[in-house]
Amino acid sequence: MNNVDHLIRLANRIGSFFEAMPDREEGIEGISNHIQKFWAPRMRVAMLSFLETHPDGRHGETALSELVLTAITRNKERLTPKPAMMD
């Protein structure tokens, strides 16, 4: 399994939890919030880079769930790590 497959599986596990919410928008926000807070910047960059070349979220037989794909693409700017400030 490569890094992208691992990230897809992690994101889908997060999505599975939030998929149970009755309010879809709340689930999308929860997924985005979780990824922003708990994923290292390099993980977010890797996922966003993957989606630039695979906008359908598919990598071989592995794919992002529809809810996770929506959450990440809708919140791309927020999930993009800010560059480190140089003194």
C-alpha atoms as a PDB file:
ATOM      1  CA  MET A   1       0.000   0.000   0.000  1.00  0.00           C
ATOM      2  CA  ASN A   2       1.369   3.425  -0.841  1.00  0.00           C
ATOM      3  CA  ASN A   3       0.944   6.692   1.022  1.00  0.00           C
ATOM      4  CA  VAL A   4      -2.056   7.877  -1.029  1.00  0.00           C
ATOM      5  CA  ASP A   5      -3.941   4.632  -0.380  1.00  0.00           C
ATOM      6  CA  HIS A   6      -3.225   5.026   3.325  1.00  0.00           C
ATOM      7  CA  LEU A   7      -4.472   8.632   3.346  1.00  0.00           C
ATOM      8  CA  ILE A   8      -7.624   7.641   1.453  1.00  0.00           C
ATOM      9  CA  ARG A   9      -8.355   4.910   3.987  1.00  0.00           C
ATOM     10  CA  LEU A  10      -7.763   7.315   6.903  1.00  0.00           C
ATOM     11  CA  ALA A  11     -10.016   9.958   5.353  1.00  0.00           C
ATOM     12  CA  ASN A  12     -12.745   7.404   4.672  1.00  0.00           C
ATOM     13  CA  ARG A  13     -12.649   6.248   8.313  1.00  0.00           C
ATOM     14  CA  ILE A  14     -13.213   9.838   9.387  1.00  0.00           C
ATOM     15  CA  GLY A  15     -15.983  10.090   6.815  1.00  0.00           C
ATOM     16  CA  SER A  16     -17.657   6.932   8.128  1.00  0.00           C
ATOM     17  CA  PHE A  17     -18.040   8.535  11.520  1.00  0.00           C
ATOM     18  CA  PHE A  18     -19.492  11.781  10.172  1.00  0.00           C
ATOM     19  CA  GLU A  19     -21.692  10.016   7.606  1.00  0.00           C
ATOM     20  CA  ALA A  20     -23.931   8.950  10.488  1.00  0.00           C
ATOM     21  CA  MET A  21     -24.876  12.568  11.202  1.00  0.00           C
ATOM     22  CA  PRO A  22     -28.393  13.408  10.092  1.00  0.00           C
ATOM     23  CA  ASP A  23     -27.289  16.808   8.719  1.00  0.00           C
ATOM     24  CA  ARG A  24     -25.064  16.277   5.658  1.00  0.00           C
ATOM     25  CA  GLU A  25     -23.579  19.787   5.878  1.00  0.00           C
ATOM     26  CA  GLU A  26     -22.629  19.159   9.503  1.00  0.00           C
ATOM     27  CA  GLY A  27     -20.902  15.946   8.421  1.00  0.00           C
ATOM     28  CA  ILE A  28     -18.960  17.758   5.686  1.00  0.00           C
ATOM     29  CA  GLU A  29     -17.887  20.411   8.176  1.00  0.00           C
ATOM     30  CA  GLY A  30     -16.890  17.752  10.713  1.00  0.00           C
ATOM     31  CA  ILE A  31     -14.690  15.928   8.205  1.00  0.00           C
ATOM     32  CA  SER A  32     -12.964  19.135   7.110  1.00  0.00           C
ATOM     33  CA  ASN A  33     -12.500  20.290  10.677  1.00  0.00           C
ATOM     34  CA  HIS A  34     -11.006  16.950  11.754  1.00  0.00           C
ATOM     35  CA  ILE A  35      -8.550  16.848   8.845  1.00  0.00           C
ATOM     36  CA  GLN A  36      -7.517  20.461   9.429  1.00  0.00           C
ATOM     37  CA  LYS A  37      -6.950  19.942  13.163  1.00  0.00           C
ATOM     38  CA  PHE A  38      -5.432  16.475  13.289  1.00  0.00           C
ATOM     39  CA  TRP A  39      -3.633  15.798  10.007  1.00  0.00           C
ATOM     40  CA  ALA A  40      -0.040  16.958   9.696  1.00  0.00           C
ATOM     41  CA  PRO A  41       0.473  19.619   7.019  1.00  0.00           C
ATOM     42  CA  ARG A  42       2.393  17.130   4.844  1.00  0.00           C
ATOM     43  CA  MET A  43      -0.593  14.752   4.936  1.00  0.00           C
ATOM     44  CA  ARG A  44      -2.970  17.521   3.845  1.00  0.00           C
ATOM     45  CA  VAL A  45      -0.569  18.611   1.089  1.00  0.00           C
ATOM     46  CA  ALA A  46      -0.275  15.016  -0.149  1.00  0.00           C
ATOM     47  CA  MET A  47      -4.068  14.599  -0.270  1.00  0.00           C
ATOM     48  CA  LEU A  48      -4.642  17.932  -2.002  1.00  0.00           C
ATOM     49  CA  SER A  49      -1.880  17.190  -4.536  1.00  0.00           C
ATOM     50  CA  PHE A  50      -3.424  13.799  -5.216  1.00  0.00           C
ATOM     51  CA  LEU A  51      -6.812  15.415  -5.853  1.00  0.00           C
ATOM     52  CA  GLU A  52      -5.271  17.885  -8.312  1.00  0.00           C
ATOM     53  CA  THR A  53      -4.307  14.968 -10.555  1.00  0.00           C
ATOM     54  CA  HIS A  54      -7.217  12.670  -9.583  1.00  0.00           C
ATOM     55  CA  PRO A  55     -10.244  14.937  -9.058  1.00  0.00           C
ATOM     56  CA  ASP A  56     -12.527  11.900  -8.836  1.00  0.00           C
ATOM     57  CA  GLY A  57     -10.648  10.759  -5.710  1.00  0.00           C
ATOM     58  CA  ARG A  58      -9.831   7.333  -7.179  1.00  0.00           C
ATOM     59  CA  HIS A  59      -6.455   5.633  -6.940  1.00  0.00           C
ATOM     60  CA  GLY A  60      -6.581   2.177  -8.433  1.00  0.00           C
ATOM     61  CA  GLU A  61      -9.147   0.224  -6.469  1.00  0.00           C
ATOM     62  CA  THR A  62      -9.116   2.713  -3.595  1.00  0.00           C
ATOM     63  CA  ALA A  63     -11.364   5.774  -3.640  1.00  0.00           C
ATOM     64  CA  LEU A  64     -12.527   8.546  -1.380  1.00  0.00           C
ATOM     65  CA  SER A  65     -16.155   8.314  -0.348  1.00  0.00           C
ATOM     66  CA  GLU A  66     -18.433  10.888  -1.957  1.00  0.00           C
ATOM     67  CA  LEU A  67     -18.867  12.718   1.373  1.00  0.00           C
ATOM     68  CA  VAL A  68     -15.115  12.908   2.051  1.00  0.00           C
ATOM     69  CA  LEU A  69     -14.371  14.019  -1.507  1.00  0.00           C
ATOM     70  CA  THR A  70     -16.958  16.784  -1.167  1.00  0.00           C
ATOM     71  CA  ALA A  71     -15.593  17.871   2.215  1.00  0.00           C
ATOM     72  CA  ILE A  72     -12.005  18.111   0.999  1.00  0.00           C
ATOM     73  CA  THR A  73     -12.680  19.756  -2.356  1.00  0.00           C
ATOM     74  CA  ARG A  74     -15.146  22.246  -0.879  1.00  0.00           C
ATOM     75  CA  ASN A  75     -12.642  23.255   1.819  1.00  0.00           C
ATOM     76  CA  LYS A  76      -9.414  23.066  -0.185  1.00  0.00           C
ATOM     77  CA  GLU A  77      -8.288  26.579   0.741  1.00  0.00           C
ATOM     78  CA  ARG A  78      -8.859  26.003   4.451  1.00  0.00           C
ATOM     79  CA  LEU A  79      -7.050  22.649   4.356  1.00  0.00           C
ATOM     80  CA  THR A  80      -4.013  24.070   2.534  1.00  0.00           C
ATOM     81  CA  PRO A  81      -1.268  24.636   5.118  1.00  0.00           C
ATOM     82  CA  LYS A  82      -0.087  28.198   5.445  1.00  0.00           C
ATOM     83  CA  PRO A  83       3.563  28.813   4.522  1.00  0.00           C
ATOM     84  CA  ALA A  84       5.918  29.206   7.464  1.00  0.00           C
ATOM     85  CA  MET A  85       6.861  32.789   8.203  1.00  0.00           C
ATOM     86  CA  MET A  86      10.525  33.647   7.920  1.00  0.00           C
ATOM     87  CA  ASP A  87      12.049  36.193  10.323  1.00  0.00           C
END
